[in-house]
Amino acid sequence: MRGRYYSAEIVVKSGFVSGRVGLQVSHEDLDEWERCLDALQAEEGAEWPAGDRSAWVDVVPDDPVEVTVHDSPSTQIAVRVPIDVASEWLEENRLRLARVRAAVSAS
């Protein structure tokens, strides 16, 4: 069902910082997630979800990958974490996206 929003969370956990922020995502956001994964595979940066209605993630495919979680517009806090990713991290994220789409379709 297009136009519907689903509850989700962005979770950050490292040896230094740990936190989570809630957000609402739509089918269109899931489509955008797939486009972001394509961009990252092409070694381009990605921001997800688009817009300024909720928290969002900025991913820069450096070595290590740099992930910034923005809690906007709520608290205006941003946390940047460098991540050493395994070679199959994009495929793992594509599988995660497929599981999310299946769960959304079932609801």
PDB file of N, CA and C in Angstrom:
ATOM      1  N   MET A   1       0.846  -1.175   0.000  1.00  0.00           N
ATOM      2  CA  MET A   1       0.000   0.000   0.000  1.00  0.00           C
ATOM      3  C   MET A   1       0.892   1.240   0.000  1.00  0.00           C
ATOM      4  N   ARG A   2       0.878   2.021  -1.068  1.00  0.00           N
ATOM      5  CA  ARG A   2       1.679   3.238  -1.189  1.00  0.00           C
ATOM      6  C   ARG A   2       1.094   4.317  -0.279  1.00  0.00           C
ATOM      7  N   GLY A   3       1.966   5.218   0.198  1.00  0.00           N
ATOM      8  CA  GLY A   3       1.512   6.305   1.042  1.00  0.00           C
ATOM      9  C   GLY A   3       1.503   5.979   2.524  1.00  0.00           C
ATOM     10  N   ARG A   4       1.662   4.728   2.868  1.00  0.00           N
ATOM     11  CA  ARG A   4       1.672   4.322   4.269  1.00  0.00           C
ATOM     12  C   ARG A   4       3.092   4.417   4.823  1.00  0.00           C
ATOM     13  N   TYR A   5       3.196   4.728   6.108  1.00  0.00           N
ATOM     14  CA  TYR A   5       4.495   4.816   6.769  1.00  0.00           C
ATOM     15  C   TYR A   5       4.635   3.693   7.792  1.00  0.00           C
ATOM     16  N   TYR A   6       5.862   3.223   7.963  1.00  0.00           N
ATOM     17  CA  TYR A   6       6.168   2.123   8.867  1.00  0.00           C
ATOM     18  C   TYR A   6       7.237   2.577   9.854  1.00  0.00           C
ATOM     19  N   SER A   7       7.099   2.150  11.097  1.00  0.00           N
ATOM     20  CA  SER A   7       8.073   2.503  12.129  1.00  0.00           C
ATOM     21  C   SER A   7       9.377   1.758  11.883  1.00  0.00           C
ATOM     22  N   ALA A   8      10.493   2.470  12.081  1.00  0.00           N
ATOM     23  CA  ALA A   8      11.818   1.889  11.902  1.00  0.00           C
ATOM     24  C   ALA A   8      12.777   2.561  12.885  1.00  0.00           C
ATOM     25  N   GLU A   9      13.968   2.041  12.967  1.00  0.00           N
ATOM     26  CA  GLU A   9      14.999   2.628  13.816  1.00  0.00           C
ATOM     27  C   GLU A   9      16.328   2.614  13.091  1.00  0.00           C
ATOM     28  N   ILE A  10      17.113   3.639  13.351  1.00  0.00           N
ATOM     29  CA  ILE A  10      18.519   3.652  12.971  1.00  0.00           C
ATOM     30  C   ILE A  10      19.282   3.411  14.262  1.00  0.00           C
ATOM     31  N   VAL A  11      20.149   2.414  14.262  1.00  0.00           N
ATOM     32  CA  VAL A  11      20.892   2.048  15.462  1.00  0.00           C
ATOM     33  C   VAL A  11      22.386   2.245  15.207  1.00  0.00           C
ATOM     34  N   VAL A  12      23.056   2.923  16.125  1.00  0.00           N
ATOM     35  CA  VAL A  12      24.502   3.125  16.082  1.00  0.00           C
ATOM     36  C   VAL A  12      25.083   2.476  17.324  1.00  0.00           C
ATOM     37  N   LYS A  13      26.083   1.624  17.115  1.00  0.00           N
ATOM     38  CA  LYS A  13      26.710   0.972  18.265  1.00  0.00           C
ATOM     39  C   LYS A  13      28.191   0.769  17.955  1.00  0.00           C
ATOM     40  N   SER A  14      29.021   1.337  18.817  1.00  0.00           N
ATOM     41  CA  SER A  14      30.464   1.170  18.688  1.00  0.00           C
ATOM     42  C   SER A  14      31.043   1.070  20.083  1.00  0.00           C
ATOM     43  N   GLY A  15      32.340   0.929  20.176  1.00  0.00           N
ATOM     44  CA  GLY A  15      32.985   0.892  21.474  1.00  0.00           C
ATOM     45  C   GLY A  15      32.929   2.227  22.187  1.00  0.00           C
ATOM     46  N   PHE A  16      32.620   3.295  21.451  1.00  0.00           N
ATOM     47  CA  PHE A  16      32.606   4.637  22.020  1.00  0.00           C
ATOM     48  C   PHE A  16      31.208   5.198  22.221  1.00  0.00           C
ATOM     49  N   VAL A  17      30.299   4.918  21.275  1.00  0.00           N
ATOM     50  CA  VAL A  17      28.972   5.520  21.319  1.00  0.00           C
ATOM     51  C   VAL A  17      27.918   4.468  20.997  1.00  0.00           C
ATOM     52  N   SER A  18      26.763   4.631  21.606  1.00  0.00           N
ATOM     53  CA  SER A  18      25.642   3.734  21.345  1.00  0.00           C
ATOM     54  C   SER A  18      24.361   4.553  21.389  1.00  0.00           C
ATOM     55  N   GLY A  19      23.528   4.376  20.376  1.00  0.00           N
ATOM     56  CA  GLY A  19      22.277   5.117  20.374  1.00  0.00           C
ATOM     57  C   GLY A  19      21.338   4.613  19.299  1.00  0.00           C
ATOM     58  N   ARG A  20      20.114   5.063  19.370  1.00  0.00           N
ATOM     59  CA  ARG A  20      19.099   4.718  18.375  1.00  0.00           C
ATOM     60  C   ARG A  20      18.141   5.876  18.231  1.00  0.00           C
ATOM     61  N   VAL A  21      17.612   5.979  17.030  1.00  0.00           N
ATOM     62  CA  VAL A  21      16.651   7.038  16.753  1.00  0.00           C
ATOM     63  C   VAL A  21      15.553   6.444  15.882  1.00  0.00           C
ATOM     64  N   GLY A  22      14.322   6.784  16.205  1.00  0.00           N
ATOM     65  CA  GLY A  22      13.187   6.279  15.454  1.00  0.00           C
ATOM     66  C   GLY A  22      12.906   7.128  14.227  1.00  0.00           C
ATOM     67  N   LEU A  23      12.285   6.509  13.235  1.00  0.00           N
ATOM     68  CA  LEU A  23      11.840   7.222  12.053  1.00  0.00           C
ATOM     69  C   LEU A  23      10.699   6.454  11.411  1.00  0.00           C
ATOM     70  N   GLN A  24      10.029   7.095  10.486  1.00  0.00           N
ATOM     71  CA  GLN A  24       8.936   6.482   9.737  1.00  0.00           C
ATOM     72  C   GLN A  24       9.385   6.369   8.286  1.00  0.00           C
ATOM     73  N   VAL A  25       9.227   5.188   7.690  1.00  0.00           N
ATOM     74  CA  VAL A  25       9.634   4.993   6.298  1.00  0.00           C
ATOM     75  C   VAL A  25       8.447   4.540   5.462  1.00  0.00           C
ATOM     76  N   SER A  26       8.496   4.885   4.196  1.00  0.00           N
ATOM     77  CA  SER A  26       7.438   4.543   3.246  1.00  0.00           C
ATOM     78  C   SER A  26       7.986   3.576   2.191  1.00  0.00           C
ATOM     79  N   HIS A  27       7.102   3.092   1.329  1.00  0.00           N
ATOM     80  CA  HIS A  27       7.545   2.268   0.200  1.00  0.00           C
ATOM     81  C   HIS A  27       8.534   3.044  -0.664  1.00  0.00           C
ATOM     82  N   GLU A  28       8.272   4.314  -0.847  1.00  0.00           N
ATOM     83  CA  GLU A  28       9.177   5.150  -1.641  1.00  0.00           C
ATOM     84  C   GLU A  28      10.554   5.229  -0.988  1.00  0.00           C
ATOM     85  N   ASP A  29      10.599   5.281   0.350  1.00  0.00           N
ATOM     86  CA  ASP A  29      11.882   5.282   1.058  1.00  0.00           C
ATOM     87  C   ASP A  29      12.635   3.980   0.818  1.00  0.00           C
ATOM     88  N   LEU A  30      11.911   2.871   0.761  1.00  0.00           N
ATOM     89  CA  LEU A  30      12.562   1.583   0.498  1.00  0.00           C
ATOM     90  C   LEU A  30      13.133   1.551  -0.919  1.00  0.00           C
ATOM     91  N   ASP A  31      12.412   2.130  -1.872  1.00  0.00           N
ATOM     92  CA  ASP A  31      12.935   2.243  -3.236  1.00  0.00           C
ATOM     93  C   ASP A  31      14.204   3.088  -3.243  1.00  0.00           C
ATOM     94  N   GLU A  32      14.185   4.169  -2.468  1.00  0.00           N
ATOM     95  CA  GLU A  32      15.361   5.036  -2.375  1.00  0.00           C
ATOM     96  C   GLU A  32      16.530   4.306  -1.711  1.00  0.00           C
ATOM     97  N   TRP A  33      16.250   3.444  -0.726  1.00  0.00           N
ATOM     98  CA  TRP A  33      17.295   2.642  -0.077  1.00  0.00           C
ATOM     99  C   TRP A  33      18.015   1.815  -1.144  1.00  0.00           C
ATOM    100  N   GLU A  34      17.262   1.224  -2.045  1.00  0.00           N
ATOM    101  CA  GLU A  34      17.877   0.429  -3.111  1.00  0.00           C
ATOM    102  C   GLU A  34      18.763   1.302  -4.004  1.00  0.00           C
ATOM    103  N   ARG A  35      18.307   2.497  -4.350  1.00  0.00           N
ATOM    104  CA  ARG A  35      19.117   3.407  -5.167  1.00  0.00           C
ATOM    105  C   ARG A  35      20.384   3.821  -4.413  1.00  0.00           C
ATOM    106  N   CYS A  36      20.283   3.987  -3.108  1.00  0.00           N
ATOM    107  CA  CYS A  36      21.464   4.315  -2.305  1.00  0.00           C
ATOM    108  C   CYS A  36      22.478   3.174  -2.331  1.00  0.00           C
ATOM    109  N   LEU A  37      22.015   1.953  -2.241  1.00  0.00           N
ATOM    110  CA  LEU A  37      22.916   0.805  -2.313  1.00  0.00           C
ATOM    111  C   LEU A  37      23.602   0.751  -3.672  1.00  0.00           C
ATOM    112  N   ASP A  38      22.864   1.072  -4.738  1.00  0.00           N
ATOM    113  CA  ASP A  38      23.468   1.132  -6.076  1.00  0.00           C
ATOM    114  C   ASP A  38      24.552   2.207  -6.121  1.00  0.00           C
ATOM    115  N   ALA A  39      24.273   3.373  -5.535  1.00  0.00           N
ATOM    116  CA  ALA A  39      25.258   4.461  -5.506  1.00  0.00           C
ATOM    117  C   ALA A  39      26.505   4.050  -4.730  1.00  0.00           C
ATOM    118  N   LEU A  40      26.312   3.400  -3.599  1.00  0.00           N
ATOM    119  CA  LEU A  40      27.460   2.965  -2.793  1.00  0.00           C
ATOM    120  C   LEU A  40      28.285   1.916  -3.543  1.00  0.00           C
ATOM    121  N   GLN A  41      27.617   1.048  -4.288  1.00  0.00           N
ATOM    122  CA  GLN A  41      28.342   0.062  -5.074  1.00  0.00           C
ATOM    123  C   GLN A  41      29.193   0.746  -6.148  1.00  0.00           C
ATOM    124  N   ALA A  42      28.717   1.882  -6.650  1.00  0.00           N
ATOM    125  CA  ALA A  42      29.466   2.666  -7.632  1.00  0.00           C
ATOM    126  C   ALA A  42      30.471   3.598  -6.944  1.00  0.00           C
ATOM    127  N   GLU A  43      30.682   3.397  -5.642  1.00  0.00           N
ATOM    128  CA  GLU A  43      31.608   4.169  -4.821  1.00  0.00           C
ATOM    129  C   GLU A  43      31.236   5.647  -4.754  1.00  0.00           C
ATOM    130  N   GLU A  44      29.915   5.905  -4.754  1.00  0.00           N
ATOM    131  CA  GLU A  44      29.387   7.249  -4.559  1.00  0.00           C
ATOM    132  C   GLU A  44      28.756   7.308  -3.172  1.00  0.00           C
ATOM    133  N   GLY A  45      28.668   8.484  -2.600  1.00  0.00           N
ATOM    134  CA  GLY A  45      28.027   8.648  -1.306  1.00  0.00           C
ATOM    135  C   GLY A  45      26.517   8.515  -1.417  1.00  0.00           C
ATOM    136  N   ALA A  46      25.875   8.341  -0.268  1.00  0.00           N
ATOM    137  CA  ALA A  46      24.420   8.189  -0.252  1.00  0.00           C
ATOM    138  C   ALA A  46      23.856   8.790   1.031  1.00  0.00           C
ATOM    139  N   GLU A  47      22.641   9.348   0.904  1.00  0.00           N
ATOM    140  CA  GLU A  47      21.887   9.838   2.058  1.00  0.00           C
ATOM    141  C   GLU A  47      20.526   9.179   2.018  1.00  0.00           C
ATOM    142  N   TRP A  48      20.077   8.695   3.185  1.00  0.00           N
ATOM    143  CA  TRP A  48      18.788   7.996   3.242  1.00  0.00           C
ATOM    144  C   TRP A  48      18.151   8.178   4.609  1.00  0.00           C
ATOM    145  N   PRO A  49      16.834   8.329   4.701  1.00  0.00           N
ATOM    146  CA  PRO A  49      15.901   8.626   3.621  1.00  0.00           C
ATOM    147  C   PRO A  49      15.991  10.090   3.225  1.00  0.00           C
ATOM    148  N   ALA A  50      15.565  10.376   2.015  1.00  0.00           N
ATOM    149  CA  ALA A  50      15.593  11.744   1.496  1.00  0.00           C
ATOM    150  C   ALA A  50      14.570  12.601   2.217  1.00  0.00           C
ATOM    151  N   GLY A  51      14.771  13.897   2.160  1.00  0.00           N
ATOM    152  CA  GLY A  51      13.814  14.808   2.790  1.00  0.00           C
ATOM    153  C   GLY A  51      14.258  15.210   4.178  1.00  0.00           C
ATOM    154  N   ASP A  52      13.463  16.022   4.814  1.00  0.00           N
ATOM    155  CA  ASP A  52      13.839  16.522   6.141  1.00  0.00           C
ATOM    156  C   ASP A  52      12.772  16.236   7.178  1.00  0.00           C
ATOM    157  N   ARG A  53      12.006  15.156   6.965  1.00  0.00           N
ATOM    158  CA  ARG A  53      10.909  14.871   7.890  1.00  0.00           C
ATOM    159  C   ARG A  53      11.347  14.031   9.086  1.00  0.00           C
ATOM    160  N   SER A  54      12.544  13.416   9.017  1.00  0.00           N
ATOM    161  CA  SER A  54      12.947  12.510  10.092  1.00  0.00           C
ATOM    162  C   SER A  54      14.461  12.382  10.153  1.00  0.00           C
ATOM    163  N   ALA A  55      14.902  11.483  11.009  1.00  0.00           N
ATOM    164  CA  ALA A  55      16.319  11.154  11.091  1.00  0.00           C
ATOM    165  C   ALA A  55      16.781  10.609   9.744  1.00  0.00           C
ATOM    166  N   TRP A  56      18.077  10.723   9.470  1.00  0.00           N
ATOM    167  CA  TRP A  56      18.608  10.210   8.218  1.00  0.00           C
ATOM    168  C   TRP A  56      20.061   9.807   8.378  1.00  0.00           C
ATOM    169  N   VAL A  57      20.543   9.034   7.403  1.00  0.00           N
ATOM    170  CA  VAL A  57      21.902   8.486   7.412  1.00  0.00           C
ATOM    171  C   VAL A  57      22.646   9.011   6.192  1.00  0.00           C
ATOM    172  N   ASP A  58      23.881   9.408   6.404  1.00  0.00           N
ATOM    173  CA  ASP A  58      24.782   9.829   5.331  1.00  0.00           C
ATOM    174  C   ASP A  58      25.932   8.827   5.319  1.00  0.00           C
ATOM    175  N   VAL A  59      26.169   8.177   4.167  1.00  0.00           N
ATOM    176  CA  VAL A  59      27.219   7.161   4.065  1.00  0.00           C
ATOM    177  C   VAL A  59      28.239   7.602   3.012  1.00  0.00           C
ATOM    178  N   VAL A  60      29.508   7.642   3.408  1.00  0.00           N
ATOM    179  CA  VAL A  60      30.600   7.993   2.506  1.00  0.00           C
ATOM    180  C   VAL A  60      31.474   6.750   2.349  1.00  0.00           C
ATOM    181  N   PRO A  61      31.615   6.247   1.103  1.00  0.00           N
ATOM    182  CA  PRO A  61      32.350   5.000   0.891  1.00  0.00           C
ATOM    183  C   PRO A  61      33.864   5.186   0.858  1.00  0.00           C
ATOM    184  N   ASP A  62      34.425   5.712   1.948  1.00  0.00           N
ATOM    185  CA  ASP A  62      35.872   5.820   2.081  1.00  0.00           C
ATOM    186  C   ASP A  62      36.409   4.528   2.673  1.00  0.00           C
ATOM    187  N   ASP A  63      37.679   4.532   3.035  1.00  0.00           N
ATOM    188  CA  ASP A  63      38.271   3.393   3.729  1.00  0.00           C
ATOM    189  C   ASP A  63      38.818   3.922   5.045  1.00  0.00           C
ATOM    190  N   PRO A  64      38.102   3.751   6.150  1.00  0.00           N
ATOM    191  CA  PRO A  64      36.874   2.982   6.307  1.00  0.00           C
ATOM    192  C   PRO A  64      35.636   3.765   5.846  1.00  0.00           C
ATOM    193  N   VAL A  65      34.542   3.038   5.688  1.00  0.00           N
ATOM    194  CA  VAL A  65      33.259   3.662   5.354  1.00  0.00           C
ATOM    195  C   VAL A  65      32.889   4.587   6.510  1.00  0.00           C
ATOM    196  N   GLU A  66      32.415   5.774   6.175  1.00  0.00           N
ATOM    197  CA  GLU A  66      32.032   6.748   7.202  1.00  0.00           C
ATOM    198  C   GLU A  66      30.516   6.904   7.201  1.00  0.00           C
ATOM    199  N   VAL A  67      29.895   6.626   8.338  1.00  0.00           N
ATOM    200  CA  VAL A  67      28.441   6.719   8.474  1.00  0.00           C
ATOM    201  C   VAL A  67      28.112   7.812   9.486  1.00  0.00           C
ATOM    202  N   THR A  68      27.257   8.743   9.072  1.00  0.00           N
ATOM    203  CA  THR A  68      26.795   9.786   9.984  1.00  0.00           C
ATOM    204  C   THR A  68      25.286   9.649  10.124  1.00  0.00           C
ATOM    205  N   VAL A  69      24.821   9.546  11.359  1.00  0.00           N
ATOM    206  CA  VAL A  69      23.390   9.492  11.654  1.00  0.00           C
ATOM    207  C   VAL A  69      22.981  10.857  12.172  1.00  0.00           C
ATOM    208  N   HIS A  70      21.978  11.449  11.527  1.00  0.00           N
ATOM    209  CA  HIS A  70      21.478  12.774  11.888  1.00  0.00           C
ATOM    210  C   HIS A  70      20.090  12.614  12.517  1.00  0.00           C
ATOM    211  N   ASP A  71      19.922  13.131  13.715  1.00  0.00           N
ATOM    212  CA  ASP A  71      18.608  13.132  14.365  1.00  0.00           C
ATOM    213  C   ASP A  71      17.955  14.479  14.091  1.00  0.00           C
ATOM    214  N   SER A  72      17.530  14.641  12.874  1.00  0.00           N
ATOM    215  CA  SER A  72      16.940  15.896  12.437  1.00  0.00           C
ATOM    216  C   SER A  72      15.484  15.648  12.131  1.00  0.00           C
ATOM    217  N   PRO A  73      14.600  16.505  12.325  1.00  0.00           N
ATOM    218  CA  PRO A  73      14.759  17.832  12.915  1.00  0.00           C
ATOM    219  C   PRO A  73      14.632  17.832  14.429  1.00  0.00           C
ATOM    220  N   SER A  74      14.533  16.681  15.051  1.00  0.00           N
ATOM    221  CA  SER A  74      14.266  16.575  16.485  1.00  0.00           C
ATOM    222  C   SER A  74      15.325  17.254  17.352  1.00  0.00           C
ATOM    223  N   THR A  75      16.473  16.625  17.543  1.00  0.00           N
ATOM    224  CA  THR A  75      17.472  17.144  18.481  1.00  0.00           C
ATOM    225  C   THR A  75      18.617  17.877  17.802  1.00  0.00           C
ATOM    226  N   GLN A  76      18.739  17.731  16.474  1.00  0.00           N
ATOM    227  CA  GLN A  76      19.851  18.317  15.705  1.00  0.00           C
ATOM    228  C   GLN A  76      21.193  17.662  16.038  1.00  0.00           C
ATOM    229  N   ILE A  77      21.192  16.501  16.675  1.00  0.00           N
ATOM    230  CA  ILE A  77      22.421  15.786  17.006  1.00  0.00           C
ATOM    231  C   ILE A  77      22.819  14.918  15.817  1.00  0.00           C
ATOM    232  N   ALA A  78      24.121  14.861  15.539  1.00  0.00           N
ATOM    233  CA  ALA A  78      24.652  13.984  14.499  1.00  0.00           C
ATOM    234  C   ALA A  78      25.818  13.203  15.092  1.00  0.00           C
ATOM    235  N   VAL A  79      25.904  11.914  14.751  1.00  0.00           N
ATOM    236  CA  VAL A  79      26.978  11.054  15.227  1.00  0.00           C
ATOM    237  C   VAL A  79      27.647  10.431  14.015  1.00  0.00           C
ATOM    238  N   ARG A  80      28.977  10.603  13.904  1.00  0.00           N
ATOM    239  CA  ARG A  80      29.747  10.045  12.791  1.00  0.00           C
ATOM    240  C   ARG A  80      30.580   8.874  13.313  1.00  0.00           C
ATOM    241  N   VAL A  81      30.473   7.742  12.605  1.00  0.00           N
ATOM    242  CA  VAL A  81      31.183   6.539  13.015  1.00  0.00           C
ATOM    243  C   VAL A  81      31.897   5.945  11.796  1.00  0.00           C
ATOM    244  N   PRO A  82      33.222   5.726  11.895  1.00  0.00           N
ATOM    245  CA  PRO A  82      33.910   5.012  10.816  1.00  0.00           C
ATOM    246  C   PRO A  82      33.661   3.511  10.982  1.00  0.00           C
ATOM    247  N   ILE A  83      33.423   2.821   9.874  1.00  0.00           N
ATOM    248  CA  ILE A  83      33.110   1.392   9.941  1.00  0.00           C
ATOM    249  C   ILE A  83      33.998   0.628   8.967  1.00  0.00           C
ATOM    250  N   ASP A  84      34.730  -0.347   9.482  1.00  0.00           N
ATOM    251  CA  ASP A  84      35.463  -1.275   8.616  1.00  0.00           C
ATOM    252  C   ASP A  84      34.469  -2.331   8.178  1.00  0.00           C
ATOM    253  N   VAL A  85      34.124  -2.333   6.903  1.00  0.00           N
ATOM    254  CA  VAL A  85      33.098  -3.240   6.417  1.00  0.00           C
ATOM    255  C   VAL A  85      33.722  -4.434   5.710  1.00  0.00           C
ATOM    256  N   ALA A  86      33.034  -5.562   5.782  1.00  0.00           N
ATOM    257  CA  ALA A  86      33.456  -6.762   5.070  1.00  0.00           C
ATOM    258  C   ALA A  86      33.142  -6.592   3.585  1.00  0.00           C
ATOM    259  N   SER A  87      33.765  -7.376   2.754  1.00  0.00           N
ATOM    260  CA  SER A  87      33.588  -7.243   1.303  1.00  0.00           C
ATOM    261  C   SER A  87      32.146  -7.466   0.864  1.00  0.00           C
ATOM    262  N   GLU A  88      31.372  -8.223   1.633  1.00  0.00           N
ATOM    263  CA  GLU A  88      29.991  -8.528   1.250  1.00  0.00           C
ATOM    264  C   GLU A  88      28.962  -7.624   1.934  1.00  0.00           C
ATOM    265  N   TRP A  89      29.372  -6.498   2.485  1.00  0.00           N
ATOM    266  CA  TRP A  89      28.448  -5.651   3.242  1.00  0.00           C
ATOM    267  C   TRP A  89      27.309  -5.107   2.387  1.00  0.00           C
ATOM    268  N   LEU A  90      27.568  -4.786   1.127  1.00  0.00           N
ATOM    269  CA  LEU A  90      26.468  -4.297   0.292  1.00  0.00           C
ATOM    270  C   LEU A  90      25.458  -5.397   0.014  1.00  0.00           C
ATOM    271  N   GLU A  91      25.929  -6.602  -0.242  1.00  0.00           N
ATOM    272  CA  GLU A  91      25.009  -7.719  -0.470  1.00  0.00           C
ATOM    273  C   GLU A  91      24.190  -8.003   0.786  1.00  0.00           C
ATOM    274  N   GLU A  92      24.809  -7.925   1.951  1.00  0.00           N
ATOM    275  CA  GLU A  92      24.075  -8.110   3.207  1.00  0.00           C
ATOM    276  C   GLU A  92      22.987  -7.056   3.352  1.00  0.00           C
ATOM    277  N   ASN A  93      23.277  -5.826   2.948  1.00  0.00           N
ATOM    278  CA  ASN A  93      22.272  -4.765   3.025  1.00  0.00           C
ATOM    279  C   ASN A  93      21.165  -4.963   2.007  1.00  0.00           C
ATOM    280  N   ARG A  94      21.481  -5.515   0.848  1.00  0.00           N
ATOM    281  CA  ARG A  94      20.437  -5.824  -0.139  1.00  0.00           C
ATOM    282  C   ARG A  94      19.514  -6.933   0.392  1.00  0.00           C
ATOM    283  N   LEU A  95      20.083  -7.912   1.074  1.00  0.00           N
ATOM    284  CA  LEU A  95      19.266  -8.973   1.688  1.00  0.00           C
ATOM    285  C   LEU A  95      18.398  -8.403   2.806  1.00  0.00           C
ATOM    286  N   ARG A  96      18.952  -7.479   3.596  1.00  0.00           N
ATOM    287  CA  ARG A  96      18.180  -6.831   4.665  1.00  0.00           C
ATOM    288  C   ARG A  96      17.014  -6.052   4.056  1.00  0.00           C
ATOM    289  N   LEU A  97      17.260  -5.337   2.968  1.00  0.00           N
ATOM    290  CA  LEU A  97      16.205  -4.594   2.283  1.00  0.00           C
ATOM    291  C   LEU A  97      15.119  -5.552   1.787  1.00  0.00           C
ATOM    292  N   ALA A  98      15.508  -6.688   1.234  1.00  0.00           N
ATOM    293  CA  ALA A  98      14.532  -7.665   0.754  1.00  0.00           C
ATOM    294  C   ALA A  98      13.672  -8.178   1.921  1.00  0.00           C
ATOM    295  N   ARG A  99      14.268  -8.409   3.090  1.00  0.00           N
ATOM    296  CA  ARG A  99      13.517  -8.861   4.261  1.00  0.00           C
ATOM    297  C   ARG A  99      12.542  -7.776   4.741  1.00  0.00           C
ATOM    298  N   VAL A 100      12.984  -6.531   4.711  1.00  0.00           N
ATOM    299  CA  VAL A 100      12.105  -5.429   5.117  1.00  0.00           C
ATOM    300  C   VAL A 100      10.924  -5.325   4.149  1.00  0.00           C
ATOM    301  N   ARG A 101      11.202  -5.407   2.861  1.00  0.00           N
ATOM    302  CA  ARG A 101      10.103  -5.338   1.878  1.00  0.00           C
ATOM    303  C   ARG A 101       9.122  -6.475   2.067  1.00  0.00           C
ATOM    304  N   ALA A 102       9.620  -7.670   2.350  1.00  0.00           N
ATOM    305  CA  ALA A 102       8.731  -8.819   2.581  1.00  0.00           C
ATOM    306  C   ALA A 102       7.878  -8.593   3.822  1.00  0.00           C
ATOM    307  N   ALA A 103       8.473  -8.062   4.876  1.00  0.00           N
ATOM    308  CA  ALA A 103       7.715  -7.810   6.112  1.00  0.00           C
ATOM    309  C   ALA A 103       6.653  -6.740   5.881  1.00  0.00           C
ATOM    310  N   VAL A 104       6.989  -5.706   5.144  1.00  0.00           N
ATOM    311  CA  VAL A 104       6.034  -4.627   4.851  1.00  0.00           C
ATOM    312  C   VAL A 104       4.897  -5.154   3.990  1.00  0.00           C
ATOM    313  N   SER A 105       5.204  -5.988   3.020  1.00  0.00           N
ATOM    314  CA  SER A 105       4.175  -6.550   2.143  1.00  0.00           C
ATOM    315  C   SER A 105       3.223  -7.449   2.910  1.00  0.00           C
ATOM    316  N   ALA A 106       3.739  -8.119   3.957  1.00  0.00           N
ATOM    317  CA  ALA A 106       2.928  -9.039   4.742  1.00  0.00           C
ATOM    318  C   ALA A 106       2.009  -8.313   5.722  1.00  0.00           C
ATOM    319  N   SER A 107       2.314  -7.037   5.991  1.00  0.00           N
ATOM    320  CA  SER A 107       1.509  -6.314   6.999  1.00  0.00           C
ATOM    321  C   SER A 107       0.279  -5.684   6.419  1.00  0.00           C
TER     322      SER A 107
END
